[in-house]
Protein backbone atom coordinates (compact mmCIF):
# COMPACT_ATOMS: atom_id res chain seq x y z
CA MET A 1 -22.56 1.97 -19.82
CA PRO A 2 -25.15 2.32 -22.55
CA PRO A 3 -24.86 5.74 -24.44
CA ILE A 4 -28.35 6.80 -23.34
CA PHE A 5 -27.16 7.42 -19.98
CA LYS A 6 -24.17 9.70 -21.01
CA THR A 7 -26.68 11.66 -23.14
CA LEU A 8 -28.95 12.12 -20.30
CA ALA A 9 -26.21 13.22 -18.02
CA THR A 10 -25.00 15.75 -20.52
CA ILE A 11 -28.48 17.19 -21.10
CA THR A 12 -28.97 17.37 -17.37
CA ALA A 13 -25.70 19.07 -16.88
CA TRP A 14 -26.36 21.69 -19.41
CA ILE A 15 -29.86 22.36 -18.23
CA LEU A 16 -28.32 22.76 -14.63
CA TRP A 17 -25.54 25.11 -15.78
CA ILE A 18 -27.72 27.42 -17.94
CA CYS A 19 -30.46 27.51 -15.50
CA GLY A 20 -27.88 28.64 -12.69
CA LEU A 21 -26.32 31.36 -14.81
CA LEU A 22 -29.69 32.57 -16.15
CA THR A 23 -31.07 32.62 -12.53
CA ALA A 24 -28.12 34.52 -11.31
CA LEU A 25 -28.06 36.99 -14.15
CA ILE A 26 -31.97 37.59 -13.66
CA ILE A 27 -31.43 38.31 -10.14
CA LEU A 28 -28.66 40.75 -10.64
CA VAL A 29 -30.56 42.64 -13.41
CA CYS A 30 -33.60 42.87 -11.06
CA MET A 31 -31.32 44.14 -8.20
CA ALA A 32 -29.98 46.69 -10.54
CA ILE A 33 -33.30 48.08 -11.62
CA ARG A 34 -34.31 48.15 -7.91
CA GLY A 35 -31.38 50.03 -7.12
CA ASP A 36 -30.15 47.25 -4.54
CA LEU A 37 -27.08 46.02 -6.52
CA PHE A 38 -24.76 49.17 -5.48
CA SER A 39 -26.56 50.36 -2.45
CA THR A 40 -24.93 50.07 1.11
CA ASP A 41 -28.13 48.74 2.68
CA VAL A 42 -28.44 45.18 3.79
CA MET A 43 -29.48 42.74 0.82
CA GLN A 44 -33.04 41.32 1.10
CA MET A 45 -33.31 37.67 2.19
CA ALA A 46 -34.95 36.89 -1.06
CA ASP A 47 -31.98 37.99 -3.14
CA ILE A 48 -29.44 36.20 -0.91
CA ALA A 49 -31.70 32.80 -1.26
CA ALA A 50 -31.99 33.41 -5.15
CA LEU A 51 -28.38 34.02 -5.53
CA ALA A 52 -27.67 30.78 -3.33
CA LEU A 53 -29.94 28.83 -5.57
CA ALA A 54 -28.32 30.15 -8.69
CA GLY A 55 -24.81 29.04 -7.25
CA GLY A 56 -26.14 25.71 -6.15
CA LEU A 57 -27.68 24.93 -9.60
CA THR A 58 -24.30 25.99 -11.28
CA PHE A 59 -22.17 23.76 -8.83
CA LEU A 60 -24.63 20.76 -9.52
CA GLY A 61 -24.00 21.27 -13.14
CA VAL A 62 -20.44 21.08 -12.85
CA VAL A 63 -20.70 17.88 -10.53
CA VAL A 64 -23.00 16.00 -13.02
CA MET A 65 -20.54 16.85 -15.77
CA ARG A 66 -17.59 15.62 -13.70
CA LEU A 67 -19.85 12.31 -13.06
CA ARG A 68 -20.35 12.06 -16.79
CA GLN A 69 -16.67 12.16 -17.52
CA LYS A 70 -16.11 9.53 -15.16
CA MET A 71 -18.73 7.19 -16.72
CA GLU A 72 -16.54 7.03 -19.86
């Protein structure tokens, strides 16, 4: 496998991982500012969707990194 594909897979994995973690952090900070983080009210659907997106991005970053390791 040419090294360019390994490099692209590494860059993609890092971008997915960092975007996922930053999205989760930003959503949690916004929820804390609004006072929704520790309240007993039901979470808003947008918060649930954003946290699911952040989890999905982080998971895809891990999957891409595993696939990159298997390309060696």
